[in-house]
Amino acid sequence: MSAVINDELTRISNSFIADGLSSREYRELDTRIGKWNLELRDLFEEELIEILALESFYYIERAEFWINYLKKQIAKQPRKQVIDVLTLWQQPFLLFGQITQELENELIVKDDLRDISYAIPGKITESHLGEWMLGIVLPDSRRGEHGLTGTDGIMFIHNDSSGIVARIRDTLKSSDKDVLDVYRLFGQMEKVYDFTTFQQQVVDLTQQYLADHSYEEDIVLPMLTGFLLNNEVNAKKPSAVAAGVIQVAHDFELIGSAYSTLKEIGAYFNVSSATVSKYRDQVGDFVMSKIEHSKEENSEQIASPELSVDIGTDPRGTERFMWEMVKRTQQQSFETAESLNAFLSGKMNEEYQPVNKEEQAQLFCYKAYEAETEELRVQLANEAADKNSNIADVHLLLAEQSTHKIIKENHYLKAIRSSIENVDFTIDQAWNYVLNRPYLRALFTYGAWLITENRHTDALKQFSHIFEINPQDHQGVRWLLVVTYMHLGFYEEADQVLNQLNSDNHQAIFFYLELVMDRKELDLAINHVDMSHGEKLNKHVIAMVAEGKDPGAFPRSLTIQAGSMDEAKLIYWMISGLI
């Protein structure tokens, strides 16, 4: 019974974002996460920032969403034990306290503001005794009078050299505190990170150079911190790394327009120009990867031309017309096929008038997919959401607007959940019934996104399911199935799928997929000869590979013709991360 109760509470908690928030709140969260990222990006990892922004929103600042959701769940519950926990969960709070005991599967934390010792579960993999804990918690009767359930944003503070504990305490005691203000305090810590002696020497030498030349630290030190925390540096002298950092700071004009040469910087740090260049390249590559990632997350996607061979996440050009025909016939009854055809012929050139908000929303979605500009696409998507936020295409369009993983994934999951209700699984080829297509589109788009997130096992589930209900594969799922199998190292399965396809029609696609598969399976690098042969089939691919850009989201719509740029875009998207 305890396990059943725990499972039910876990389900309720995990379903909150999908079921407890509307599209309007999603849009508000998008704006909030963007602001928090700007404020905290130099202090925490992006995923942690998203979690902190989300949890502080619906647990603290707008707790009414969480509370109302729990009340609805309580009304459905037959079990008193579950009701008791959900009742207490309506009182989340921000805990700040010191860890005073470590028991077998829980920590005892003395709340600094309430002078109460709480028990919070956790498997002890490393000692946190004496450290400070900060994060949102929920009272939980399963663990006694002062039991708690923790949330994902809990963090430990083990270095108080800059007085961060006192600052957090004073901020939390303030009557007009902003939760974001609490996390901003970490920017005032002199030594937030547990650097090795070598890393700290790099930081100290960099700071010394900046001070000697009257340069500001605000941009350079966060860049250096990110580099040191995300890269293994095998250098004999910390001055060599510091020299490379300073050269990058000059290259990117992070410390003013005045430029210093490799020789000048090498002389200051007593290292050779070649050494400066070596570590300049390492640090520069790190900075460029961050810049490209930022561009990708904030760039607007531009719709591609309509398909002649169907590949893409947008609907096919005829889908809106087919949908309108189905909706027209659903409103009528016909005794014969002749009367049906006569009716459709008469309505062919008339603009369809939706009969309810759901149809209005779907029509706005089709118009958004057809929009010629990104601005109009976004506008129409938001108008669709205002009409009815519970249809698949609304969530797919809102997902592409979001740059935040948690929000994006929840839109995809809602798209799948809302569209499965309308699927007719009795049809042998699900694609042949137009009302099934939003569901197939949601699965395909979610699966393609999962590949970009390196969640290939999850992607495999989506593609396998599509293939089960639509084996004729009108969406080109087999190509992505081959790619997914390769990422997972299932080369035999990838080869089996590839052999089912017609290589004559897509020679370039076949060549590159087979090339990558052979080289991955044999652990061999792709050589110049390989790429030269591929260039004869599609000259654009080799240039894309040489440029090495992140291919981003799966293309919305492509025209696949032998040797075309669109064919190259598809190939490059599929082989990126495999070569």
Protein backbone atom coordinates (compact mmCIF):
# COMPACT_ATOMS: atom_id res chain seq x y z
CA MET A 1 0.00 0.00 0.00
CA SER A 2 2.89 2.34 0.75
CA ALA A 3 4.28 1.71 -2.74
CA VAL A 4 0.86 2.34 -4.32
CA ILE A 5 0.52 5.64 -2.45
CA ASN A 6 4.05 6.72 -3.42
CA ASP A 7 3.38 5.91 -7.08
CA GLU A 8 0.12 7.88 -7.05
CA LEU A 9 1.79 10.92 -5.46
CA THR A 10 4.64 10.74 -7.96
CA ARG A 11 2.15 10.61 -10.83
CA ILE A 12 0.27 13.63 -9.51
CA SER A 13 3.47 15.61 -9.04
CA ASN A 14 4.87 14.72 -12.45
CA SER A 15 1.62 15.59 -14.23
CA PHE A 16 1.31 19.09 -12.83
CA ILE A 17 3.08 21.04 -15.59
CA ALA A 18 1.11 19.22 -18.28
CA ASP A 19 -2.28 19.37 -16.55
CA GLY A 20 -2.06 22.27 -14.10
CA LEU A 21 -0.93 25.04 -16.42
CA SER A 22 -2.53 26.47 -19.55
CA SER A 23 -0.88 27.81 -22.71
CA ARG A 24 -1.19 31.32 -21.28
CA GLU A 25 0.97 30.31 -18.30
CA TYR A 26 3.41 28.58 -20.65
CA ARG A 27 3.91 31.86 -22.48
CA GLU A 28 4.39 33.69 -19.19
CA LEU A 29 6.93 31.06 -18.15
CA ASP A 30 8.79 31.45 -21.44
CA THR A 31 9.27 35.16 -20.70
CA ARG A 32 10.23 34.43 -17.10
CA ILE A 33 12.81 31.78 -18.01
CA GLY A 34 14.35 34.14 -20.55
CA LYS A 35 14.74 36.82 -17.89
CA TRP A 36 16.21 34.38 -15.35
CA ASN A 37 18.66 33.08 -17.96
CA LEU A 38 19.91 36.60 -18.60
CA GLU A 39 20.31 37.26 -14.89
CA LEU A 40 21.87 33.95 -13.85
CA ARG A 41 23.58 32.52 -16.94
CA ASP A 42 27.05 33.26 -15.56
CA LEU A 43 26.26 31.54 -12.25
CA PHE A 44 24.41 28.29 -12.99
CA GLU A 45 23.88 25.74 -15.74
CA GLU A 46 21.00 26.49 -18.11
CA GLU A 47 18.88 23.51 -17.03
CA LEU A 48 19.17 24.48 -13.35
CA ILE A 49 18.14 28.05 -14.18
CA GLU A 50 15.01 26.74 -15.95
CA ILE A 51 14.15 24.59 -12.93
CA LEU A 52 14.64 27.49 -10.49
CA ALA A 53 12.50 29.81 -12.63
CA LEU A 54 9.72 27.23 -13.01
CA GLU A 55 9.57 26.02 -9.41
CA SER A 56 9.70 29.50 -7.86
CA PHE A 57 6.85 30.52 -10.19
CA TYR A 58 4.31 27.82 -9.42
CA TYR A 59 5.34 26.94 -5.85
CA ILE A 60 6.01 30.42 -4.44
CA GLU A 61 5.07 33.45 -6.53
CA ARG A 62 1.98 32.02 -8.28
CA ALA A 63 1.23 29.17 -5.89
CA GLU A 64 -2.48 29.36 -6.72
CA PHE A 65 -1.86 27.20 -9.81
CA TRP A 66 -0.27 24.44 -7.72
CA ILE A 67 -2.88 24.71 -4.96
CA ASN A 68 -5.86 24.64 -7.36
CA TYR A 69 -4.37 21.63 -9.14
CA LEU A 70 -3.95 19.76 -5.84
CA LYS A 71 -7.52 20.56 -4.78
CA LYS A 72 -8.80 18.99 -8.01
CA GLN A 73 -6.65 15.92 -7.36
CA ILE A 74 -7.90 15.66 -3.77
CA ALA A 75 -11.50 15.67 -5.02
CA LYS A 76 -10.74 12.58 -7.12
CA GLN A 77 -8.88 10.65 -4.43
CA PRO A 78 -10.38 7.65 -2.59
CA ARG A 79 -7.36 7.16 -0.30
CA LYS A 80 -7.08 9.20 2.89
CA GLN A 81 -3.26 8.79 2.99
CA VAL A 82 -2.92 10.45 -0.41
CA ILE A 83 -5.35 13.23 0.58
CA ASP A 84 -3.35 13.92 3.75
CA VAL A 85 -0.12 14.37 1.80
CA LEU A 86 -1.74 16.49 -0.93
CA THR A 87 -3.30 18.73 1.73
CA LEU A 88 0.15 19.45 3.21
CA TRP A 89 1.70 19.87 -0.24
CA GLN A 90 -0.42 23.01 -0.60
CA GLN A 91 2.07 24.80 1.68
CA PRO A 92 5.40 24.84 -0.23
CA PHE A 93 8.14 27.10 1.12
CA LEU A 94 11.75 28.07 0.48
CA LEU A 95 13.99 26.20 2.91
CA PHE A 96 17.35 27.56 3.95
CA GLY A 97 19.12 25.58 6.63
CA GLN A 98 22.22 23.73 7.74
CA ILE A 99 22.63 19.97 7.54
CA THR A 100 23.15 18.70 11.06
CA GLN A 101 22.78 14.92 10.58
CA GLU A 102 23.13 12.34 7.83
CA LEU A 103 21.06 9.22 8.40
CA GLU A 104 20.89 6.17 6.14
CA ASN A 105 18.40 7.58 3.62
CA GLU A 106 17.69 11.11 4.77
CA LEU A 107 19.23 14.39 5.85
CA ILE A 108 18.32 16.38 8.93
CA VAL A 109 18.28 20.09 8.11
CA LYS A 110 17.90 22.82 10.72
CA ASP A 111 15.85 25.63 9.17
CA ASP A 112 17.71 28.89 9.71
CA LEU A 113 14.56 31.02 9.75
CA ARG A 114 12.07 28.80 11.62
CA ASP A 115 14.46 27.08 14.05
CA ILE A 116 12.94 23.68 13.19
CA SER A 117 14.83 20.54 12.22
CA TYR A 118 13.33 18.88 9.15
CA ALA A 119 13.86 15.41 7.68
CA ILE A 120 14.32 15.30 3.91
CA PRO A 121 14.89 12.03 1.99
CA GLY A 122 18.02 11.42 -0.03
CA LYS A 123 20.49 8.68 -0.76
CA ILE A 124 23.82 9.73 0.72
CA THR A 125 26.48 9.40 -1.97
CA GLU A 126 28.80 12.04 -0.50
CA SER A 127 28.83 13.83 2.81
CA HIS A 128 27.08 17.19 3.08
CA LEU A 129 27.36 17.45 6.86
CA GLY A 130 27.73 21.07 7.91
CA GLU A 131 26.79 22.40 4.48
CA TRP A 132 23.85 24.70 3.83
CA MET A 133 20.81 23.68 1.80
CA LEU A 134 18.69 26.07 -0.27
CA GLY A 135 15.59 25.10 -2.20
CA ILE A 136 11.81 24.76 -2.32
CA VAL A 137 10.28 21.95 -0.25
CA LEU A 138 6.82 20.53 0.47
CA PRO A 139 5.64 19.38 3.92
CA ASP A 140 5.13 15.60 3.84
CA SER A 141 3.39 13.60 6.57
CA ARG A 142 4.89 10.32 5.32
CA ARG A 143 8.14 11.33 7.03
CA GLY A 144 6.77 12.45 10.37
CA GLU A 145 5.67 15.75 11.85
CA HIS A 146 8.57 17.65 10.29
CA GLY A 147 9.03 15.59 7.16
CA LEU A 148 9.62 17.19 3.76
CA THR A 149 9.66 16.32 0.08
CA GLY A 150 12.37 18.11 -1.88
CA THR A 151 12.12 19.61 -5.38
CA ASP A 152 14.57 19.52 -8.27
CA GLY A 153 16.09 22.95 -7.58
CA ILE A 154 17.64 22.15 -4.20
CA MET A 155 21.32 23.14 -3.99
CA PHE A 156 24.10 22.80 -1.42
CA ILE A 157 26.45 25.58 -0.31
CA HIS A 158 29.70 24.29 1.12
CA ASN A 159 31.97 27.34 0.80
CA ASP A 160 31.06 30.42 2.84
CA SER A 161 34.23 32.39 2.27
CA SER A 162 32.30 35.39 0.91
CA GLY A 163 29.55 35.45 3.54
CA ILE A 164 26.88 34.11 1.22
CA VAL A 165 24.99 32.48 4.10
CA ALA A 166 24.51 35.80 5.91
CA ARG A 167 23.43 37.50 2.69
CA ILE A 168 20.83 34.81 1.93
CA ARG A 169 19.55 34.95 5.52
CA ASP A 170 19.11 38.74 5.37
CA THR A 171 17.38 38.58 1.99
CA LEU A 172 14.96 35.85 3.11
CA LYS A 173 14.05 37.85 6.21
CA SER A 174 13.10 40.82 4.05
CA SER A 175 9.34 41.30 3.74
CA ASP A 176 9.51 42.32 0.07
CA LYS A 177 11.97 39.70 -1.12
CA ASP A 178 12.03 38.56 -4.73
CA VAL A 179 13.06 34.90 -5.14
CA LEU A 180 15.32 35.90 -8.02
CA ASP A 181 17.15 38.23 -5.62
CA VAL A 182 18.13 35.20 -3.55
CA TYR A 183 19.83 33.48 -6.47
CA ARG A 184 21.44 36.72 -7.66
CA LEU A 185 23.42 36.67 -4.42
CA PHE A 186 25.56 33.84 -5.76
CA GLY A 187 27.12 36.36 -8.12
CA GLN A 188 28.66 38.05 -5.09
CA MET A 189 30.53 34.95 -4.01
CA GLU A 190 34.26 35.18 -4.50
CA LYS A 191 34.70 31.41 -4.71
CA VAL A 192 31.42 29.79 -5.64
CA TYR A 193 33.20 26.92 -7.37
CA ASP A 194 35.37 24.25 -5.91
CA PHE A 195 38.40 24.89 -8.11
CA THR A 196 41.53 22.77 -7.97
CA THR A 197 44.74 24.53 -6.99
CA PHE A 198 45.78 24.69 -10.66
CA GLN A 199 42.42 26.17 -11.73
CA GLN A 200 42.53 28.76 -8.98
CA GLN A 201 46.03 29.77 -10.08
CA VAL A 202 44.69 30.32 -13.61
CA VAL A 203 41.94 32.55 -12.17
CA ASP A 204 44.40 34.48 -9.99
CA LEU A 205 46.83 35.11 -12.87
CA THR A 206 43.98 36.24 -15.13
CA GLN A 207 42.69 38.62 -12.45
CA GLN A 208 46.21 39.98 -11.96
CA TYR A 209 46.58 40.77 -15.68
CA LEU A 210 43.17 42.49 -15.75
CA ALA A 211 44.03 44.55 -12.67
CA ASP A 212 47.48 45.53 -14.04
CA HIS A 213 45.89 46.79 -17.27
CA SER A 214 42.79 48.35 -15.61
CA TYR A 215 40.36 46.01 -17.39
CA GLU A 216 36.98 44.98 -15.99
CA GLU A 217 36.47 41.38 -14.77
CA ASP A 218 32.70 41.18 -15.31
CA ILE A 219 32.77 39.33 -18.64
CA VAL A 220 36.16 37.64 -18.63
CA LEU A 221 35.91 35.80 -15.29
CA PRO A 222 32.52 34.16 -15.97
CA MET A 223 33.86 33.06 -19.37
CA LEU A 224 36.97 31.61 -17.68
CA THR A 225 34.87 29.91 -15.01
CA GLY A 226 32.69 28.25 -17.63
CA PHE A 227 35.75 27.07 -19.54
CA LEU A 228 37.46 25.60 -16.47
CA LEU A 229 34.32 23.81 -15.28
CA ASN A 230 33.50 22.31 -18.68
CA ASN A 231 36.91 21.36 -20.04
CA GLU A 232 39.80 19.20 -18.93
CA VAL A 233 42.95 21.29 -19.33
CA ASN A 234 46.24 19.43 -19.58
CA ALA A 235 48.70 22.26 -19.18
CA LYS A 236 51.98 22.31 -17.26
CA LYS A 237 51.76 25.97 -16.33
CA PRO A 238 48.65 27.87 -15.23
CA SER A 239 50.13 30.96 -16.85
CA ALA A 240 49.79 29.25 -20.27
CA VAL A 241 46.02 28.88 -19.84
CA ALA A 242 45.67 32.42 -18.44
CA ALA A 243 47.56 33.74 -21.48
CA GLY A 244 45.15 31.95 -23.82
CA VAL A 245 42.17 33.39 -21.94
CA ILE A 246 43.51 36.92 -22.20
CA GLN A 247 44.20 36.50 -25.92
CA VAL A 248 40.59 35.37 -26.45
CA ALA A 249 39.37 38.35 -24.42
CA HIS A 250 41.28 40.62 -26.80
CA ASP A 251 40.13 38.70 -29.89
CA PHE A 252 36.48 39.10 -28.94
CA GLU A 253 37.00 42.65 -27.62
CA LEU A 254 35.74 41.65 -24.19
CA ILE A 255 38.17 44.06 -22.54
CA GLY A 256 38.08 47.02 -24.90
CA SER A 257 39.22 47.70 -28.43
CA ALA A 258 42.97 47.89 -27.67
CA TYR A 259 44.67 44.78 -29.04
CA SER A 260 47.70 42.90 -27.73
CA THR A 261 49.73 40.51 -29.86
CA LEU A 262 50.56 36.91 -29.02
CA LYS A 263 54.12 38.01 -28.40
CA GLU A 264 53.13 40.76 -25.96
CA ILE A 265 50.79 38.51 -23.98
CA GLY A 266 53.36 35.69 -24.02
CA ALA A 267 55.99 38.07 -22.63
CA TYR A 268 53.69 39.12 -19.79
CA PHE A 269 52.98 35.51 -18.78
CA ASN A 270 56.49 34.28 -19.63
CA VAL A 271 55.30 31.72 -22.20
CA SER A 272 55.94 31.35 -25.92
CA SER A 273 53.66 32.73 -28.66
CA ALA A 274 52.94 29.14 -29.75
CA THR A 275 51.73 28.31 -26.24
CA VAL A 276 49.47 31.37 -26.18
CA SER A 277 48.05 30.32 -29.55
CA LYS A 278 47.42 26.76 -28.37
CA TYR A 279 45.31 27.74 -25.38
CA ARG A 280 43.73 30.66 -27.25
CA ASP A 281 42.33 28.05 -29.65
CA GLN A 282 40.98 25.86 -26.84
CA VAL A 283 39.28 28.73 -25.03
CA GLY A 284 38.13 30.28 -28.32
CA ASP A 285 36.47 27.03 -29.41
CA PHE A 286 34.59 26.94 -26.09
CA VAL A 287 33.41 30.53 -26.49
CA MET A 288 32.32 29.95 -30.09
CA SER A 289 30.34 26.87 -29.10
CA LYS A 290 28.45 28.95 -26.53
CA ILE A 291 27.80 31.70 -29.08
CA GLU A 292 26.49 29.23 -31.65
CA HIS A 293 24.30 27.56 -29.03
CA SER A 294 22.86 30.93 -28.04
CA LYS A 295 22.19 31.87 -31.66
CA GLU A 296 20.46 28.55 -32.29
CA GLU A 297 18.22 28.93 -29.26
CA ASN A 298 17.14 32.47 -30.12
CA SER A 299 17.10 32.39 -33.92
CA GLU A 300 13.88 32.50 -35.92
CA GLN A 301 13.15 29.54 -38.09
CA ILE A 302 12.08 30.34 -41.67
CA ALA A 303 9.59 28.12 -43.41
CA SER A 304 10.96 26.21 -46.40
CA PRO A 305 9.17 25.75 -49.76
CA GLU A 306 6.34 23.27 -50.14
CA LEU A 307 7.25 19.62 -50.62
CA SER A 308 7.32 17.52 -53.70
CA VAL A 309 8.71 14.60 -51.65
CA ASP A 310 7.29 14.73 -48.15
CA ILE A 311 9.76 15.34 -45.34
CA GLY A 312 9.25 17.86 -42.56
CA THR A 313 7.40 18.68 -39.36
CA ASP A 314 4.81 20.98 -41.00
CA PRO A 315 1.57 19.58 -42.50
CA ARG A 316 1.49 18.69 -46.20
CA GLY A 317 0.01 21.31 -48.51
CA THR A 318 -3.23 19.40 -49.09
CA GLU A 319 -3.99 18.65 -45.44
CA ARG A 320 -5.97 21.82 -44.74
CA PHE A 321 -8.18 21.22 -47.80
CA MET A 322 -8.78 17.60 -46.74
CA TRP A 323 -9.56 18.67 -43.17
CA GLU A 324 -12.11 21.22 -44.38
CA MET A 325 -13.80 18.59 -46.56
CA VAL A 326 -14.08 16.19 -43.62
CA LYS A 327 -15.50 18.91 -41.39
CA ARG A 328 -18.05 19.92 -44.03
CA THR A 329 -19.29 16.34 -44.41
CA GLN A 330 -19.50 15.79 -40.64
CA GLN A 331 -22.14 18.51 -40.50
CA GLN A 332 -24.33 16.81 -43.14
CA SER A 333 -25.90 13.43 -43.83
CA PHE A 334 -25.86 11.88 -47.31
CA GLU A 335 -27.87 8.93 -48.58
CA THR A 336 -25.75 8.29 -51.67
CA ALA A 337 -22.18 8.85 -52.89
CA GLU A 338 -23.59 11.03 -55.68
CA SER A 339 -25.21 13.41 -53.22
CA LEU A 340 -21.95 13.62 -51.24
CA ASN A 341 -19.93 14.43 -54.38
CA ALA A 342 -22.48 17.02 -55.48
CA PHE A 343 -22.29 18.70 -52.09
CA LEU A 344 -18.48 18.79 -52.10
CA SER A 345 -18.37 20.14 -55.65
CA GLY A 346 -20.67 22.96 -54.69
CA LYS A 347 -18.57 23.88 -51.64
CA MET A 348 -15.19 23.61 -53.37
CA ASN A 349 -14.59 27.34 -53.80
CA GLU A 350 -16.31 28.53 -50.63
CA GLU A 351 -14.29 29.55 -47.61
CA TYR A 352 -14.90 27.15 -44.75
CA GLN A 353 -16.61 28.63 -41.69
CA PRO A 354 -15.64 26.84 -38.43
CA VAL A 355 -18.57 25.87 -36.22
CA ASN A 356 -16.80 26.02 -32.82
CA LYS A 357 -13.66 27.30 -31.10
CA GLU A 358 -11.80 24.03 -31.62
CA GLU A 359 -12.25 24.29 -35.39
CA GLN A 360 -11.38 27.99 -35.28
CA ALA A 361 -8.12 27.14 -33.50
CA GLN A 362 -7.27 24.38 -35.99
CA LEU A 363 -7.89 26.71 -38.93
CA PHE A 364 -5.63 29.35 -37.36
CA CYS A 365 -2.96 26.64 -37.02
CA TYR A 366 -3.17 25.73 -40.70
CA LYS A 367 -2.89 29.42 -41.59
CA ALA A 368 0.13 29.71 -39.28
CA TYR A 369 1.82 26.81 -41.05
CA GLU A 370 1.15 28.55 -44.38
CA ALA A 371 2.34 32.00 -43.19
CA GLU A 372 5.03 33.64 -45.31
CA THR A 373 6.80 35.33 -42.39
CA GLU A 374 7.87 34.12 -38.97
CA GLU A 375 6.11 37.04 -37.30
CA LEU A 376 2.78 36.11 -38.87
CA ARG A 377 3.32 32.44 -37.98
CA VAL A 378 3.81 33.36 -34.32
CA GLN A 379 0.83 35.74 -34.34
CA LEU A 380 -1.51 33.15 -35.82
CA ALA A 381 -0.24 30.45 -33.44
CA ASN A 382 -1.03 32.68 -30.46
CA GLU A 383 -4.49 33.46 -31.87
CA ALA A 384 -5.09 29.72 -32.21
CA ALA A 385 -4.04 29.21 -28.59
CA ASP A 386 -6.49 31.90 -27.46
CA LYS A 387 -9.33 30.08 -29.25
CA ASN A 388 -8.51 26.60 -27.94
CA SER A 389 -5.26 25.69 -26.23
CA ASN A 390 -5.97 21.96 -26.11
CA ILE A 391 -5.33 20.88 -29.70
CA ALA A 392 -2.14 19.26 -30.95
CA ASP A 393 -1.08 21.82 -33.55
CA VAL A 394 -1.39 24.68 -31.05
CA HIS A 395 1.11 22.93 -28.81
CA LEU A 396 3.43 22.07 -31.70
CA LEU A 397 3.48 25.71 -32.81
CA LEU A 398 4.00 26.97 -29.26
CA ALA A 399 6.79 24.42 -28.74
CA GLU A 400 8.79 25.82 -31.65
CA GLN A 401 8.46 29.32 -30.16
CA SER A 402 9.92 28.22 -26.85
CA THR A 403 13.67 28.13 -26.29
CA HIS A 404 13.35 26.27 -23.00
CA LYS A 405 13.55 22.50 -22.90
CA ILE A 406 11.05 21.82 -20.13
CA ILE A 407 8.36 24.02 -21.66
CA LYS A 408 9.07 22.70 -25.15
CA GLU A 409 8.82 19.05 -24.10
CA ASN A 410 5.59 19.62 -22.22
CA HIS A 411 4.06 21.18 -25.33
CA TYR A 412 5.08 18.08 -27.31
CA LEU A 413 3.62 15.75 -24.71
CA LYS A 414 0.38 17.75 -24.59
CA ALA A 415 0.19 17.64 -28.39
CA ILE A 416 0.43 13.84 -28.33
CA ARG A 417 -2.02 13.50 -25.46
CA SER A 418 -4.66 15.80 -26.94
CA SER A 419 -4.50 14.34 -30.47
CA ILE A 420 -4.60 10.65 -29.51
CA GLU A 421 -8.24 11.10 -28.49
CA ASN A 422 -9.19 11.69 -32.15
CA VAL A 423 -7.14 8.87 -33.70
CA ASP A 424 -8.96 6.07 -35.51
CA PHE A 425 -6.68 3.08 -34.92
CA THR A 426 -8.94 0.81 -36.96
CA ILE A 427 -7.54 2.26 -40.20
CA ASP A 428 -4.67 0.14 -41.58
CA GLN A 429 -2.69 3.18 -42.69
CA ALA A 430 -3.32 5.88 -40.08
CA TRP A 431 -2.10 8.57 -42.49
CA ASN A 432 -5.02 8.00 -44.84
CA TYR A 433 -7.47 9.58 -42.38
CA VAL A 434 -6.69 13.30 -42.14
CA LEU A 435 -7.83 13.64 -38.51
CA ASN A 436 -5.06 11.16 -37.56
CA ARG A 437 -2.33 13.38 -38.94
CA PRO A 438 -1.91 15.80 -36.00
CA TYR A 439 -1.13 12.77 -33.82
CA LEU A 440 1.40 11.40 -36.33
CA ARG A 441 2.88 14.88 -36.70
CA ALA A 442 3.22 15.27 -32.93
CA LEU A 443 5.00 11.91 -32.59
CA PHE A 444 7.34 12.69 -35.48
CA THR A 445 8.22 16.20 -34.28
CA TYR A 446 8.76 15.03 -30.70
CA GLY A 447 10.95 12.15 -31.87
CA ALA A 448 13.08 14.45 -34.05
CA TRP A 449 13.50 16.85 -31.11
CA LEU A 450 14.55 13.98 -28.85
CA ILE A 451 17.36 13.16 -31.31
CA THR A 452 18.67 16.72 -30.98
CA GLU A 453 18.61 16.23 -27.20
CA ASN A 454 20.59 12.95 -27.51
CA ARG A 455 17.65 11.03 -26.00
CA HIS A 456 17.76 8.33 -28.63
CA THR A 457 16.02 5.57 -26.67
CA ASP A 458 13.01 7.85 -26.19
CA ALA A 459 13.13 8.86 -29.87
CA LEU A 460 13.12 5.20 -30.89
CA LYS A 461 9.81 4.69 -29.05
CA GLN A 462 8.13 7.49 -31.01
CA PHE A 463 9.37 6.34 -34.42
CA SER A 464 8.59 2.68 -33.74
CA HIS A 465 5.03 3.59 -32.77
CA ILE A 466 4.54 5.67 -35.92
CA PHE A 467 5.77 2.78 -38.04
CA GLU A 468 3.37 0.39 -36.27
CA ILE A 469 0.27 2.42 -37.06
CA ASN A 470 1.41 3.72 -40.46
CA PRO A 471 3.71 1.08 -42.01
CA GLN A 472 3.57 2.69 -45.44
CA ASP A 473 5.57 5.54 -43.88
CA HIS A 474 4.28 8.70 -45.55
CA GLN A 475 6.42 10.85 -43.22
CA GLY A 476 9.85 9.39 -43.94
CA VAL A 477 10.18 7.94 -40.45
CA ARG A 478 12.47 5.16 -41.68
CA TRP A 479 15.28 7.64 -42.32
CA LEU A 480 15.13 8.84 -38.72
CA LEU A 481 14.78 5.27 -37.50
CA VAL A 482 18.11 4.43 -39.21
CA VAL A 483 19.77 7.45 -37.59
CA THR A 484 18.38 6.59 -34.15
CA TYR A 485 19.59 3.00 -34.36
CA MET A 486 23.08 4.23 -35.30
CA HIS A 487 23.20 6.61 -32.35
CA LEU A 488 22.31 3.67 -30.10
CA GLY A 489 24.94 1.43 -31.72
CA PHE A 490 22.31 -0.94 -33.18
CA TYR A 491 23.97 -1.20 -36.59
CA GLU A 492 22.33 -4.48 -37.59
CA GLU A 493 18.86 -3.02 -37.03
CA ALA A 494 19.84 0.18 -38.86
CA ASP A 495 21.06 -1.86 -41.83
CA GLN A 496 17.84 -3.87 -41.94
CA VAL A 497 15.72 -0.73 -42.15
CA LEU A 498 18.02 0.81 -44.77
CA ASN A 499 17.78 -2.29 -46.94
CA GLN A 500 14.00 -1.95 -47.02
CA LEU A 501 14.26 1.37 -48.86
CA ASN A 502 14.80 2.14 -52.54
CA SER A 503 18.38 3.35 -52.91
CA ASP A 504 17.94 4.30 -56.60
CA ASN A 505 15.72 7.28 -55.75
CA HIS A 506 17.92 8.65 -52.98
CA GLN A 507 21.51 7.75 -53.82
CA ALA A 508 23.12 10.57 -51.85
CA ILE A 509 21.08 9.86 -48.71
CA PHE A 510 21.91 6.15 -48.93
CA PHE A 511 25.57 6.82 -49.55
CA TYR A 512 26.07 9.06 -46.53
CA LEU A 513 24.04 6.90 -44.15
CA GLU A 514 25.88 3.75 -45.23
CA LEU A 515 29.22 5.57 -45.04
CA VAL A 516 28.58 6.79 -41.51
CA MET A 517 27.28 3.36 -40.45
CA ASP A 518 30.35 1.55 -41.76
CA ARG A 519 32.77 4.01 -40.19
CA LYS A 520 30.95 4.02 -36.83
CA GLU A 521 30.71 0.23 -36.70
CA LEU A 522 34.40 -0.19 -37.55
CA ASP A 523 35.47 2.85 -35.49
CA LEU A 524 37.19 4.45 -38.48
CA ALA A 525 37.42 8.13 -39.39
CA ILE A 526 35.74 9.34 -42.57
CA ASN A 527 38.48 10.23 -45.05
CA HIS A 528 38.86 12.61 -47.99
CA VAL A 529 38.22 9.90 -50.57
CA ASP A 530 34.87 9.05 -48.96
CA MET A 531 33.75 12.66 -48.99
CA SER A 532 34.94 13.20 -52.55
CA HIS A 533 32.66 10.44 -53.79
CA GLY A 534 29.79 11.86 -51.78
CA GLU A 535 30.42 15.27 -53.33
CA LYS A 536 29.59 13.83 -56.76
CA LEU A 537 26.14 12.83 -55.47
CA ASN A 538 25.43 16.08 -53.62
CA LYS A 539 28.03 18.84 -53.65
CA HIS A 540 26.41 20.81 -50.83
CA VAL A 541 26.90 18.25 -48.06
CA ILE A 542 30.70 18.45 -47.91
CA ALA A 543 30.55 22.23 -47.50
CA MET A 544 28.08 21.87 -44.62
CA VAL A 545 30.28 19.27 -42.93
CA ALA A 546 33.32 21.52 -43.30
CA GLU A 547 31.42 24.45 -41.80
CA GLY A 548 30.32 22.23 -38.91
CA LYS A 549 27.31 24.24 -37.78
CA ASP A 550 24.67 22.83 -35.46
CA PRO A 551 21.83 21.73 -37.80
CA GLY A 552 19.24 22.70 -35.20
CA ALA A 553 15.65 21.49 -35.26
CA PHE A 554 14.46 19.07 -37.91
CA PRO A 555 13.43 21.08 -41.02
CA ARG A 556 9.82 22.12 -41.24
CA SER A 557 9.48 21.32 -44.92
CA LEU A 558 11.93 20.11 -47.58
CA THR A 559 11.81 19.32 -51.27
CA ILE A 560 13.93 16.21 -51.68
CA GLN A 561 15.45 16.09 -55.14
CA ALA A 562 18.74 14.48 -56.14
CA GLY A 563 21.65 16.87 -55.61
CA SER A 564 19.50 19.69 -54.22
CA MET A 565 20.27 21.93 -51.26
CA ASP A 566 17.20 20.58 -49.42
CA GLU A 567 18.47 17.04 -49.86
CA ALA A 568 21.79 18.19 -48.40
CA LYS A 569 20.03 19.78 -45.42
CA LEU A 570 18.30 16.49 -44.66
CA ILE A 571 21.54 14.51 -45.01
CA TYR A 572 23.51 16.92 -42.84
CA TRP A 573 20.82 16.92 -40.13
CA MET A 574 20.84 13.11 -40.05
CA ILE A 575 24.62 12.58 -39.98
CA SER A 576 25.43 15.41 -37.55
CA GLY A 577 26.62 13.92 -34.30
CA LEU A 578 27.62 10.69 -36.07
CA ILE A 579 30.66 11.89 -38.03
